[in-house]
Amino acid sequence: QTPPELEELRHIIRMLGIDAHELMRKGEDAFARLAFDKQPPGEDEVLQ
């Protein structure tokens, strides 16, 4: 309902100590719709 904004996401990723790609659930329909399985996104694309 209230998604984190860009800087909040960046902060969460830093605290988790992971790459932005690791924060993404790859089994969701939205992931397939974005075609990220065919063309791996850059970090900014992941955050967006």
ModelCIF file with pLDDT and N, C-alpha, C, O atoms, coordinates in Angstrom:
data_MODEL
#
_entry.id   MODEL 
#
_entity.id                         1 
_entity.type                       polymer 
_entity.pdbx_number_of_molecules   1 
#
_entity_poly.entity_id                      1 
_entity_poly.type                           'polypeptide(L)' 
_entity_poly.nstd_linkage                   no 
_entity_poly.nstd_monomer                   no 
_entity_poly.pdbx_seq_one_letter_code       QTPPELEELRHIIRMLGIDAHELMRKGEDAFARLAFDKQPPGEDEVLQ 
_entity_poly.pdbx_seq_one_letter_code_can   QTPPELEELRHIIRMLGIDAHELMRKGEDAFARLAFDKQPPGEDEVLQ 
_entity_poly.pdbx_strand_id                 A 
#
loop_
_entity_poly_seq.entity_id 
_entity_poly_seq.num 
_entity_poly_seq.mon_id 
_entity_poly_seq.hetero 
1 1  GLN n 
1 2  THR n 
1 3  PRO n 
1 4  PRO n 
1 5  GLU n 
1 6  LEU n 
1 7  GLU n 
1 8  GLU n 
1 9  LEU n 
1 10 ARG n 
1 11 HIS n 
1 12 ILE n 
1 13 ILE n 
1 14 ARG n 
1 15 MET n 
1 16 LEU n 
1 17 GLY n 
1 18 ILE n 
1 19 ASP n 
1 20 ALA n 
1 21 HIS n 
1 22 GLU n 
1 23 LEU n 
1 24 MET n 
1 25 ARG n 
1 26 LYS n 
1 27 GLY n 
1 28 GLU n 
1 29 ASP n 
1 30 ALA n 
1 31 PHE n 
1 32 ALA n 
1 33 ARG n 
1 34 LEU n 
1 35 ALA n 
1 36 PHE n 
1 37 ASP n 
1 38 LYS n 
1 39 GLN n 
1 40 PRO n 
1 41 PRO n 
1 42 GLY n 
1 43 GLU n 
1 44 ASP n 
1 45 GLU n 
1 46 VAL n 
1 47 LEU n 
1 48 GLN n 
#
_struct_asym.id          A 
_struct_asym.entity_id   1 
#
loop_
_ma_qa_metric.id 
_ma_qa_metric.mode 
_ma_qa_metric.name 
_ma_qa_metric.software_group_id 
_ma_qa_metric.type 
1 global pLDDT . pLDDT 
2 local  pLDDT . pLDDT 
#
_ma_qa_metric_global.metric_id      1 
_ma_qa_metric_global.metric_value   93.29 
_ma_qa_metric_global.model_id       1 
_ma_qa_metric_global.ordinal_id     1 
#
loop_
_ma_qa_metric_local.label_asym_id 
_ma_qa_metric_local.label_comp_id 
_ma_qa_metric_local.label_seq_id 
_ma_qa_metric_local.metric_id 
_ma_qa_metric_local.metric_value 
_ma_qa_metric_local.model_id 
_ma_qa_metric_local.ordinal_id 
A GLN 1  2 97.00 1 1  
A THR 2  2 96.00 1 2  
A PRO 3  2 96.00 1 3  
A PRO 4  2 96.00 1 4  
A GLU 5  2 96.00 1 5  
A LEU 6  2 97.00 1 6  
A GLU 7  2 97.00 1 7  
A GLU 8  2 97.00 1 8  
A LEU 9  2 97.00 1 9  
A ARG 10 2 97.00 1 10 
A HIS 11 2 97.00 1 11 
A ILE 12 2 97.00 1 12 
A ILE 13 2 97.00 1 13 
A ARG 14 2 97.00 1 14 
A MET 15 2 97.00 1 15 
A LEU 16 2 98.00 1 16 
A GLY 17 2 97.00 1 17 
A ILE 18 2 97.00 1 18 
A ASP 19 2 94.00 1 19 
A ALA 20 2 95.00 1 20 
A HIS 21 2 94.00 1 21 
A GLU 22 2 95.00 1 22 
A LEU 23 2 96.00 1 23 
A MET 24 2 96.00 1 24 
A ARG 25 2 95.00 1 25 
A LYS 26 2 92.00 1 26 
A GLY 27 2 92.00 1 27 
A GLU 28 2 92.00 1 28 
A ASP 29 2 92.00 1 29 
A ALA 30 2 92.00 1 30 
A PHE 31 2 91.00 1 31 
A ALA 32 2 89.00 1 32 
A ARG 33 2 90.00 1 33 
A LEU 34 2 91.00 1 34 
A ALA 35 2 88.00 1 35 
A PHE 36 2 86.00 1 36 
A ASP 37 2 79.00 1 37 
A LYS 38 2 82.00 1 38 
A GLN 39 2 80.00 1 39 
A PRO 40 2 81.00 1 40 
A PRO 41 2 89.00 1 41 
A GLY 42 2 92.00 1 42 
A GLU 43 2 93.00 1 43 
A ASP 44 2 95.00 1 44 
A GLU 45 2 95.00 1 45 
A VAL 46 2 96.00 1 46 
A LEU 47 2 97.00 1 47 
A GLN 48 2 96.00 1 48 
#
loop_
_atom_site.group_PDB 
_atom_site.id 
_atom_site.type_symbol 
_atom_site.label_atom_id 
_atom_site.label_alt_id 
_atom_site.label_comp_id 
_atom_site.label_asym_id 
_atom_site.label_entity_id 
_atom_site.label_seq_id 
_atom_site.pdbx_PDB_ins_code 
_atom_site.Cartn_x 
_atom_site.Cartn_y 
_atom_site.Cartn_z 
_atom_site.occupancy 
_atom_site.B_iso_or_equiv 
_atom_site.pdbx_formal_charge 
_atom_site.auth_seq_id 
_atom_site.auth_comp_id 
_atom_site.auth_asym_id 
_atom_site.auth_atom_id 
_atom_site.pdbx_PDB_model_num 
ATOM 1   N N  . GLN A 1 1  ? 0.824  -1.214  0.000   1.00 97.00 ? 1  GLN A N  1 
ATOM 2   C CA . GLN A 1 1  ? 0.000  0.000   0.000   1.00 97.00 ? 1  GLN A CA 1 
ATOM 3   C C  . GLN A 1 1  ? 0.852  1.255   0.000   1.00 97.00 ? 1  GLN A C  1 
ATOM 4   O O  . GLN A 1 1  ? 0.491  2.258   -0.616  1.00 97.00 ? 1  GLN A O  1 
ATOM 5   N N  . THR A 1 2  ? 1.991  1.202   0.694   1.00 96.00 ? 2  THR A N  1 
ATOM 6   C CA . THR A 1 2  ? 2.906  2.345   0.756   1.00 96.00 ? 2  THR A CA 1 
ATOM 7   C C  . THR A 1 2  ? 4.316  1.853   0.434   1.00 96.00 ? 2  THR A C  1 
ATOM 8   O O  . THR A 1 2  ? 5.115  1.615   1.340   1.00 96.00 ? 2  THR A O  1 
ATOM 9   N N  . PRO A 1 3  ? 4.623  1.701   -0.857  1.00 96.00 ? 3  PRO A N  1 
ATOM 10  C CA . PRO A 1 3  ? 5.930  1.188   -1.249  1.00 96.00 ? 3  PRO A CA 1 
ATOM 11  C C  . PRO A 1 3  ? 7.057  2.123   -0.819  1.00 96.00 ? 3  PRO A C  1 
ATOM 12  O O  . PRO A 1 3  ? 6.884  3.341   -0.781  1.00 96.00 ? 3  PRO A O  1 
ATOM 13  N N  . PRO A 1 4  ? 8.212  1.542   -0.497  1.00 96.00 ? 4  PRO A N  1 
ATOM 14  C CA . PRO A 1 4  ? 9.354  2.378   -0.137  1.00 96.00 ? 4  PRO A CA 1 
ATOM 15  C C  . PRO A 1 4  ? 9.796  3.220   -1.335  1.00 96.00 ? 4  PRO A C  1 
ATOM 16  O O  . PRO A 1 4  ? 9.707  2.795   -2.486  1.00 96.00 ? 4  PRO A O  1 
ATOM 17  N N  . GLU A 1 5  ? 10.271 4.419   -1.029  1.00 96.00 ? 5  GLU A N  1 
ATOM 18  C CA . GLU A 1 5  ? 10.779 5.297   -2.077  1.00 96.00 ? 5  GLU A CA 1 
ATOM 19  C C  . GLU A 1 5  ? 12.237 4.933   -2.371  1.00 96.00 ? 5  GLU A C  1 
ATOM 20  O O  . GLU A 1 5  ? 12.820 4.082   -1.698  1.00 96.00 ? 5  GLU A O  1 
ATOM 21  N N  . LEU A 1 6  ? 12.807 5.571   -3.359  1.00 97.00 ? 6  LEU A N  1 
ATOM 22  C CA . LEU A 1 6  ? 14.129 5.227   -3.863  1.00 97.00 ? 6  LEU A CA 1 
ATOM 23  C C  . LEU A 1 6  ? 15.199 5.199   -2.781  1.00 97.00 ? 6  LEU A C  1 
ATOM 24  O O  . LEU A 1 6  ? 15.908 4.201   -2.645  1.00 97.00 ? 6  LEU A O  1 
ATOM 25  N N  . GLU A 1 7  ? 15.329 6.265   -2.015  1.00 97.00 ? 7  GLU A N  1 
ATOM 26  C CA . GLU A 1 7  ? 16.386 6.314   -0.996  1.00 97.00 ? 7  GLU A CA 1 
ATOM 27  C C  . GLU A 1 7  ? 16.150 5.292   0.112   1.00 97.00 ? 7  GLU A C  1 
ATOM 28  O O  . GLU A 1 7  ? 17.101 4.736   0.661   1.00 97.00 ? 7  GLU A O  1 
ATOM 29  N N  . GLU A 1 8  ? 14.897 5.048   0.437   1.00 97.00 ? 8  GLU A N  1 
ATOM 30  C CA . GLU A 1 8  ? 14.568 4.039   1.440   1.00 97.00 ? 8  GLU A CA 1 
ATOM 31  C C  . GLU A 1 8  ? 14.974 2.652   0.943   1.00 97.00 ? 8  GLU A C  1 
ATOM 32  O O  . GLU A 1 8  ? 15.524 1.857   1.704   1.00 97.00 ? 8  GLU A O  1 
ATOM 33  N N  . LEU A 1 9  ? 14.705 2.361   -0.323  1.00 97.00 ? 9  LEU A N  1 
ATOM 34  C CA . LEU A 1 9  ? 15.113 1.083   -0.908  1.00 97.00 ? 9  LEU A CA 1 
ATOM 35  C C  . LEU A 1 9  ? 16.631 0.930   -0.884  1.00 97.00 ? 9  LEU A C  1 
ATOM 36  O O  . LEU A 1 9  ? 17.154 -0.126  -0.528  1.00 97.00 ? 9  LEU A O  1 
ATOM 37  N N  . ARG A 1 10 ? 17.327 1.994   -1.264  1.00 97.00 ? 10 ARG A N  1 
ATOM 38  C CA . ARG A 1 10 ? 18.800 1.952   -1.246  1.00 97.00 ? 10 ARG A CA 1 
ATOM 39  C C  . ARG A 1 10 ? 19.317 1.672   0.170   1.00 97.00 ? 10 ARG A C  1 
ATOM 40  O O  . ARG A 1 10 ? 20.258 0.900   0.359   1.00 97.00 ? 10 ARG A O  1 
ATOM 41  N N  . HIS A 1 11 ? 18.690 2.308   1.153   1.00 97.00 ? 11 HIS A N  1 
ATOM 42  C CA . HIS A 1 11 ? 19.094 2.119   2.550   1.00 97.00 ? 11 HIS A CA 1 
ATOM 43  C C  . HIS A 1 11 ? 18.828 0.676   3.006   1.00 97.00 ? 11 HIS A C  1 
ATOM 44  O O  . HIS A 1 11 ? 19.668 0.072   3.673   1.00 97.00 ? 11 HIS A O  1 
ATOM 45  N N  . ILE A 1 12 ? 17.688 0.139   2.654   1.00 97.00 ? 12 ILE A N  1 
ATOM 46  C CA . ILE A 1 12 ? 17.346 -1.243  3.007   1.00 97.00 ? 12 ILE A CA 1 
ATOM 47  C C  . ILE A 1 12 ? 18.372 -2.202  2.397   1.00 97.00 ? 12 ILE A C  1 
ATOM 48  O O  . ILE A 1 12 ? 18.854 -3.110  3.074   1.00 97.00 ? 12 ILE A O  1 
ATOM 49  N N  . ILE A 1 13 ? 18.698 -2.005  1.146   1.00 97.00 ? 13 ILE A N  1 
ATOM 50  C CA . ILE A 1 13 ? 19.661 -2.870  0.451   1.00 97.00 ? 13 ILE A CA 1 
ATOM 51  C C  . ILE A 1 13 ? 21.025 -2.806  1.138   1.00 97.00 ? 13 ILE A C  1 
ATOM 52  O O  . ILE A 1 13 ? 21.673 -3.836  1.329   1.00 97.00 ? 13 ILE A O  1 
ATOM 53  N N  . ARG A 1 14 ? 21.465 -1.589  1.514   1.00 97.00 ? 14 ARG A N  1 
ATOM 54  C CA . ARG A 1 14 ? 22.748 -1.448  2.225   1.00 97.00 ? 14 ARG A CA 1 
ATOM 55  C C  . ARG A 1 14 ? 22.713 -2.187  3.556   1.00 97.00 ? 14 ARG A C  1 
ATOM 56  O O  . ARG A 1 14 ? 23.667 -2.886  3.898   1.00 97.00 ? 14 ARG A O  1 
ATOM 57  N N  . MET A 1 15 ? 21.617 -2.042  4.319   1.00 97.00 ? 15 MET A N  1 
ATOM 58  C CA . MET A 1 15 ? 21.516 -2.715  5.613   1.00 97.00 ? 15 MET A CA 1 
ATOM 59  C C  . MET A 1 15 ? 21.496 -4.235  5.451   1.00 97.00 ? 15 MET A C  1 
ATOM 60  O O  . MET A 1 15 ? 22.055 -4.959  6.275   1.00 97.00 ? 15 MET A O  1 
ATOM 61  N N  . LEU A 1 16 ? 20.855 -4.709  4.396   1.00 98.00 ? 16 LEU A N  1 
ATOM 62  C CA . LEU A 1 16 ? 20.798 -6.149  4.154   1.00 98.00 ? 16 LEU A CA 1 
ATOM 63  C C  . LEU A 1 16 ? 22.144 -6.680  3.655   1.00 98.00 ? 16 LEU A C  1 
ATOM 64  O O  . LEU A 1 16 ? 22.447 -7.864  3.796   1.00 98.00 ? 16 LEU A O  1 
ATOM 65  N N  . GLY A 1 17 ? 22.943 -5.787  3.071   1.00 97.00 ? 17 GLY A N  1 
ATOM 66  C CA . GLY A 1 17 ? 24.235 -6.208  2.537   1.00 97.00 ? 17 GLY A CA 1 
ATOM 67  C C  . GLY A 1 17 ? 24.102 -7.066  1.290   1.00 97.00 ? 17 GLY A C  1 
ATOM 68  O O  . GLY A 1 17 ? 24.878 -7.997  1.075   1.00 97.00 ? 17 GLY A O  1 
ATOM 69  N N  . ILE A 1 18 ? 23.106 -6.740  0.471   1.00 97.00 ? 18 ILE A N  1 
ATOM 70  C CA . ILE A 1 18 ? 22.852 -7.514  -0.746  1.00 97.00 ? 18 ILE A CA 1 
ATOM 71  C C  . ILE A 1 18 ? 22.872 -6.601  -1.958  1.00 97.00 ? 18 ILE A C  1 
ATOM 72  O O  . ILE A 1 18 ? 22.917 -5.377  -1.836  1.00 97.00 ? 18 ILE A O  1 
ATOM 73  N N  . ASP A 1 19 ? 22.839 -7.206  -3.104  1.00 94.00 ? 19 ASP A N  1 
ATOM 74  C CA . ASP A 1 19 ? 22.704 -6.514  -4.377  1.00 94.00 ? 19 ASP A CA 1 
ATOM 75  C C  . ASP A 1 19 ? 21.212 -6.242  -4.593  1.00 94.00 ? 19 ASP A C  1 
ATOM 76  O O  . ASP A 1 19 ? 20.372 -7.013  -4.129  1.00 94.00 ? 19 ASP A O  1 
ATOM 77  N N  . ALA A 1 20 ? 20.883 -5.174  -5.280  1.00 95.00 ? 20 ALA A N  1 
ATOM 78  C CA . ALA A 1 20 ? 19.475 -4.830  -5.531  1.00 95.00 ? 20 ALA A CA 1 
ATOM 79  C C  . ALA A 1 20 ? 18.716 -5.983  -6.188  1.00 95.00 ? 20 ALA A C  1 
ATOM 80  O O  . ALA A 1 20 ? 17.534 -6.184  -5.911  1.00 95.00 ? 20 ALA A O  1 
ATOM 81  N N  . HIS A 1 21 ? 19.388 -6.738  -7.055  1.00 94.00 ? 21 HIS A N  1 
ATOM 82  C CA . HIS A 1 21 ? 18.739 -7.870  -7.739  1.00 94.00 ? 21 HIS A CA 1 
ATOM 83  C C  . HIS A 1 21 ? 18.253 -8.924  -6.743  1.00 94.00 ? 21 HIS A C  1 
ATOM 84  O O  . HIS A 1 21 ? 17.246 -9.592  -6.979  1.00 94.00 ? 21 HIS A O  1 
ATOM 85  N N  . GLU A 1 22 ? 18.974 -9.068  -5.629  1.00 95.00 ? 22 GLU A N  1 
ATOM 86  C CA . GLU A 1 22 ? 18.620 -10.082 -4.633  1.00 95.00 ? 22 GLU A CA 1 
ATOM 87  C C  . GLU A 1 22 ? 17.364 -9.712  -3.847  1.00 95.00 ? 22 GLU A C  1 
ATOM 88  O O  . GLU A 1 22 ? 16.771 -10.567 -3.190  1.00 95.00 ? 22 GLU A O  1 
ATOM 89  N N  . LEU A 1 23 ? 16.960 -8.457  -3.910  1.00 96.00 ? 23 LEU A N  1 
ATOM 90  C CA . LEU A 1 23 ? 15.751 -8.018  -3.219  1.00 96.00 ? 23 LEU A CA 1 
ATOM 91  C C  . LEU A 1 23 ? 14.496 -8.326  -4.038  1.00 96.00 ? 23 LEU A C  1 
ATOM 92  O O  . LEU A 1 23 ? 13.374 -8.189  -3.549  1.00 96.00 ? 23 LEU A O  1 
ATOM 93  N N  . MET A 1 24 ? 14.700 -8.738  -5.276  1.00 96.00 ? 24 MET A N  1 
ATOM 94  C CA . MET A 1 24 ? 13.579 -8.942  -6.185  1.00 96.00 ? 24 MET A CA 1 
ATOM 95  C C  . MET A 1 24 ? 13.116 -10.397 -6.192  1.00 96.00 ? 24 MET A C  1 
ATOM 96  O O  . MET A 1 24 ? 13.921 -11.324 -6.281  1.00 96.00 ? 24 MET A O  1 
ATOM 97  N N  . ARG A 1 25 ? 11.800 -10.572 -6.095  1.00 95.00 ? 25 ARG A N  1 
ATOM 98  C CA . ARG A 1 25 ? 11.171 -11.899 -6.187  1.00 95.00 ? 25 ARG A CA 1 
ATOM 99  C C  . ARG A 1 25 ? 10.977 -12.226 -7.673  1.00 95.00 ? 25 ARG A C  1 
ATOM 100 O O  . ARG A 1 25 ? 10.213 -11.564 -8.376  1.00 95.00 ? 25 ARG A O  1 
ATOM 101 N N  . LYS A 1 26 ? 11.672 -13.242 -8.122  1.00 92.00 ? 26 LYS A N  1 
ATOM 102 C CA . LYS A 1 26 ? 11.675 -13.557 -9.548  1.00 92.00 ? 26 LYS A CA 1 
ATOM 103 C C  . LYS A 1 26 ? 10.497 -14.422 -9.986  1.00 92.00 ? 26 LYS A C  1 
ATOM 104 O O  . LYS A 1 26 ? 10.288 -14.608 -11.184 1.00 92.00 ? 26 LYS A O  1 
ATOM 105 N N  . GLY A 1 27 ? 9.734  -14.947 -9.052  1.00 92.00 ? 27 GLY A N  1 
ATOM 106 C CA . GLY A 1 27 ? 8.604  -15.802 -9.399  1.00 92.00 ? 27 GLY A CA 1 
ATOM 107 C C  . GLY A 1 27 ? 7.295  -15.064 -9.598  1.00 92.00 ? 27 GLY A C  1 
ATOM 108 O O  . GLY A 1 27 ? 6.276  -15.684 -9.901  1.00 92.00 ? 27 GLY A O  1 
ATOM 109 N N  . GLU A 1 28 ? 7.306  -13.762 -9.435  1.00 92.00 ? 28 GLU A N  1 
ATOM 110 C CA . GLU A 1 28 ? 6.069  -12.976 -9.567  1.00 92.00 ? 28 GLU A CA 1 
ATOM 111 C C  . GLU A 1 28 ? 5.744  -12.692 -11.031 1.00 92.00 ? 28 GLU A C  1 
ATOM 112 O O  . GLU A 1 28 ? 6.644  -12.579 -11.863 1.00 92.00 ? 28 GLU A O  1 
ATOM 113 N N  . ASP A 1 29 ? 4.465  -12.577 -11.335 1.00 92.00 ? 29 ASP A N  1 
ATOM 114 C CA . ASP A 1 29 ? 4.024  -12.271 -12.697 1.00 92.00 ? 29 ASP A CA 1 
ATOM 115 C C  . ASP A 1 29 ? 4.634  -10.973 -13.212 1.00 92.00 ? 29 ASP A C  1 
ATOM 116 O O  . ASP A 1 29 ? 4.992  -10.876 -14.386 1.00 92.00 ? 29 ASP A O  1 
ATOM 117 N N  . ALA A 1 30 ? 4.753  -9.983  -12.345 1.00 92.00 ? 30 ALA A N  1 
ATOM 118 C CA . ALA A 1 30 ? 5.313  -8.685  -12.756 1.00 92.00 ? 30 ALA A CA 1 
ATOM 119 C C  . ALA A 1 30 ? 6.748  -8.841  -13.256 1.00 92.00 ? 30 ALA A C  1 
ATOM 120 O O  . ALA A 1 30 ? 7.163  -8.134  -14.174 1.00 92.00 ? 30 ALA A O  1 
ATOM 121 N N  . PHE A 1 31 ? 7.502  -9.755  -12.664 1.00 91.00 ? 31 PHE A N  1 
ATOM 122 C CA . PHE A 1 31 ? 8.875  -9.996  -13.104 1.00 91.00 ? 31 PHE A CA 1 
ATOM 123 C C  . PHE A 1 31 ? 8.877  -10.477 -14.554 1.00 91.00 ? 31 PHE A C  1 
ATOM 124 O O  . PHE A 1 31 ? 9.672  -10.011 -15.370 1.00 91.00 ? 31 PHE A O  1 
ATOM 125 N N  . ALA A 1 32 ? 7.987  -11.408 -14.863 1.00 89.00 ? 32 ALA A N  1 
ATOM 126 C CA . ALA A 1 32 ? 7.888  -11.923 -16.235 1.00 89.00 ? 32 ALA A CA 1 
ATOM 127 C C  . ALA A 1 32 ? 7.391  -10.837 -17.190 1.00 89.00 ? 32 ALA A C  1 
ATOM 128 O O  . ALA A 1 32 ? 7.891  -10.719 -18.309 1.00 89.00 ? 32 ALA A O  1 
ATOM 129 N N  . ARG A 1 33 ? 6.408  -10.045 -16.753 1.00 90.00 ? 33 ARG A N  1 
ATOM 130 C CA . ARG A 1 33 ? 5.885  -8.965  -17.608 1.00 90.00 ? 33 ARG A CA 1 
ATOM 131 C C  . ARG A 1 33 ? 6.979  -7.966  -17.960 1.00 90.00 ? 33 ARG A C  1 
ATOM 132 O O  . ARG A 1 33 ? 6.993  -7.422  -19.064 1.00 90.00 ? 33 ARG A O  1 
ATOM 133 N N  . LEU A 1 34 ? 7.897  -7.723  -17.025 1.00 91.00 ? 34 LEU A N  1 
ATOM 134 C CA . LEU A 1 34 ? 8.993  -6.781  -17.271 1.00 91.00 ? 34 LEU A CA 1 
ATOM 135 C C  . LEU A 1 34 ? 10.077 -7.400  -18.151 1.00 91.00 ? 34 LEU A C  1 
ATOM 136 O O  . LEU A 1 34 ? 10.994 -6.704  -18.588 1.00 91.00 ? 34 LEU A O  1 
ATOM 137 N N  . ALA A 1 35 ? 9.975  -8.708  -18.413 1.00 88.00 ? 35 ALA A N  1 
ATOM 138 C CA . ALA A 1 35 ? 10.938 -9.458  -19.234 1.00 88.00 ? 35 ALA A CA 1 
ATOM 139 C C  . ALA A 1 35 ? 12.337 -9.428  -18.631 1.00 88.00 ? 35 ALA A C  1 
ATOM 140 O O  . ALA A 1 35 ? 13.328 -9.511  -19.356 1.00 88.00 ? 35 ALA A O  1 
ATOM 141 N N  . PHE A 1 36 ? 12.422 -9.310  -17.310 1.00 86.00 ? 36 PHE A N  1 
ATOM 142 C CA . PHE A 1 36 ? 13.720 -9.298  -16.651 1.00 86.00 ? 36 PHE A CA 1 
ATOM 143 C C  . PHE A 1 36 ? 14.406 -10.660 -16.742 1.00 86.00 ? 36 PHE A C  1 
ATOM 144 O O  . PHE A 1 36 ? 15.624 -10.760 -16.596 1.00 86.00 ? 36 PHE A O  1 
ATOM 145 N N  . ASP A 1 37 ? 13.618 -11.706 -16.985 1.00 79.00 ? 37 ASP A N  1 
ATOM 146 C CA . ASP A 1 37 ? 14.218 -13.033 -17.132 1.00 79.00 ? 37 ASP A CA 1 
ATOM 147 C C  . ASP A 1 37 ? 14.955 -13.156 -18.466 1.00 79.00 ? 37 ASP A C  1 
ATOM 148 O O  . ASP A 1 37 ? 15.842 -13.997 -18.613 1.00 79.00 ? 37 ASP A O  1 
ATOM 149 N N  . LYS A 1 38 ? 14.588 -12.318 -19.432 1.00 82.00 ? 38 LYS A N  1 
ATOM 150 C CA . LYS A 1 38 ? 15.229 -12.349 -20.747 1.00 82.00 ? 38 LYS A CA 1 
ATOM 151 C C  . LYS A 1 38 ? 16.360 -11.335 -20.845 1.00 82.00 ? 38 LYS A C  1 
ATOM 152 O O  . LYS A 1 38 ? 17.383 -11.608 -21.472 1.00 82.00 ? 38 LYS A O  1 
ATOM 153 N N  . GLN A 1 39 ? 16.187 -10.183 -20.240 1.00 80.00 ? 39 GLN A N  1 
ATOM 154 C CA . GLN A 1 39 ? 17.173 -9.104  -20.283 1.00 80.00 ? 39 GLN A CA 1 
ATOM 155 C C  . GLN A 1 39 ? 17.425 -8.649  -18.857 1.00 80.00 ? 39 GLN A C  1 
ATOM 156 O O  . GLN A 1 39 ? 16.629 -7.884  -18.312 1.00 80.00 ? 39 GLN A O  1 
ATOM 157 N N  . PRO A 1 40 ? 18.519 -9.101  -18.230 1.00 81.00 ? 40 PRO A N  1 
ATOM 158 C CA . PRO A 1 40 ? 18.781 -8.709  -16.838 1.00 81.00 ? 40 PRO A CA 1 
ATOM 159 C C  . PRO A 1 40 ? 18.858 -7.181  -16.694 1.00 81.00 ? 40 PRO A C  1 
ATOM 160 O O  . PRO A 1 40 ? 19.558 -6.506  -17.449 1.00 81.00 ? 40 PRO A O  1 
ATOM 161 N N  . PRO A 1 41 ? 18.127 -6.660  -15.713 1.00 89.00 ? 41 PRO A N  1 
ATOM 162 C CA . PRO A 1 41 ? 18.082 -5.206  -15.537 1.00 89.00 ? 41 PRO A CA 1 
ATOM 163 C C  . PRO A 1 41 ? 19.302 -4.692  -14.778 1.00 89.00 ? 41 PRO A C  1 
ATOM 164 O O  . PRO A 1 41 ? 19.967 -5.440  -14.061 1.00 89.00 ? 41 PRO A O  1 
ATOM 165 N N  . GLY A 1 42 ? 19.578 -3.413  -14.947 1.00 92.00 ? 42 GLY A N  1 
ATOM 166 C CA . GLY A 1 42 ? 20.591 -2.737  -14.144 1.00 92.00 ? 42 GLY A CA 1 
ATOM 167 C C  . GLY A 1 42 ? 19.991 -2.390  -12.790 1.00 92.00 ? 42 GLY A C  1 
ATOM 168 O O  . GLY A 1 42 ? 18.786 -2.542  -12.586 1.00 92.00 ? 42 GLY A O  1 
ATOM 169 N N  . GLU A 1 43 ? 20.825 -1.922  -11.863 1.00 93.00 ? 43 GLU A N  1 
ATOM 170 C CA . GLU A 1 43 ? 20.350 -1.611  -10.511 1.00 93.00 ? 43 GLU A CA 1 
ATOM 171 C C  . GLU A 1 43 ? 19.255 -0.549  -10.514 1.00 93.00 ? 43 GLU A C  1 
ATOM 172 O O  . GLU A 1 43 ? 18.262 -0.685  -9.800  1.00 93.00 ? 43 GLU A O  1 
ATOM 173 N N  . ASP A 1 44 ? 19.426 0.497   -11.303 1.00 95.00 ? 44 ASP A N  1 
ATOM 174 C CA . ASP A 1 44 ? 18.401 1.547   -11.335 1.00 95.00 ? 44 ASP A CA 1 
ATOM 175 C C  . ASP A 1 44 ? 17.069 1.014   -11.845 1.00 95.00 ? 44 ASP A C  1 
ATOM 176 O O  . ASP A 1 44 ? 16.010 1.406   -11.355 1.00 95.00 ? 44 ASP A O  1 
ATOM 177 N N  . GLU A 1 45 ? 17.121 0.123   -12.825 1.00 95.00 ? 45 GLU A N  1 
ATOM 178 C CA . GLU A 1 45 ? 15.892 -0.502  -13.332 1.00 95.00 ? 45 GLU A CA 1 
ATOM 179 C C  . GLU A 1 45 ? 15.225 -1.352  -12.258 1.00 95.00 ? 45 GLU A C  1 
ATOM 180 O O  . GLU A 1 45 ? 14.001 -1.349  -12.124 1.00 95.00 ? 45 GLU A O  1 
ATOM 181 N N  . VAL A 1 46 ? 16.036 -2.079  -11.495 1.00 96.00 ? 46 VAL A N  1 
ATOM 182 C CA . VAL A 1 46 ? 15.501 -2.909  -10.406 1.00 96.00 ? 46 VAL A CA 1 
ATOM 183 C C  . VAL A 1 46 ? 14.790 -2.023  -9.390  1.00 96.00 ? 46 VAL A C  1 
ATOM 184 O O  . VAL A 1 46 ? 13.668 -2.320  -8.980  1.00 96.00 ? 46 VAL A O  1 
ATOM 185 N N  . LEU A 1 47 ? 15.436 -0.948  -8.989  1.00 97.00 ? 47 LEU A N  1 
ATOM 186 C CA . LEU A 1 47 ? 14.851 -0.056  -7.982  1.00 97.00 ? 47 LEU A CA 1 
ATOM 187 C C  . LEU A 1 47 ? 13.553 0.562   -8.490  1.00 97.00 ? 47 LEU A C  1 
ATOM 188 O O  . LEU A 1 47 ? 12.575 0.651   -7.748  1.00 97.00 ? 47 LEU A O  1 
ATOM 189 N N  . GLN A 1 48 ? 13.540 0.985   -9.745  1.00 96.00 ? 48 GLN A N  1 
ATOM 190 C CA . GLN A 1 48 ? 12.318 1.553   -10.321 1.00 96.00 ? 48 GLN A CA 1 
ATOM 191 C C  . GLN A 1 48 ? 11.200 0.508   -10.353 1.00 96.00 ? 48 GLN A C  1 
ATOM 192 O O  . GLN A 1 48 ? 10.093 0.802   -10.805 1.00 96.00 ? 48 GLN A O  1 
#
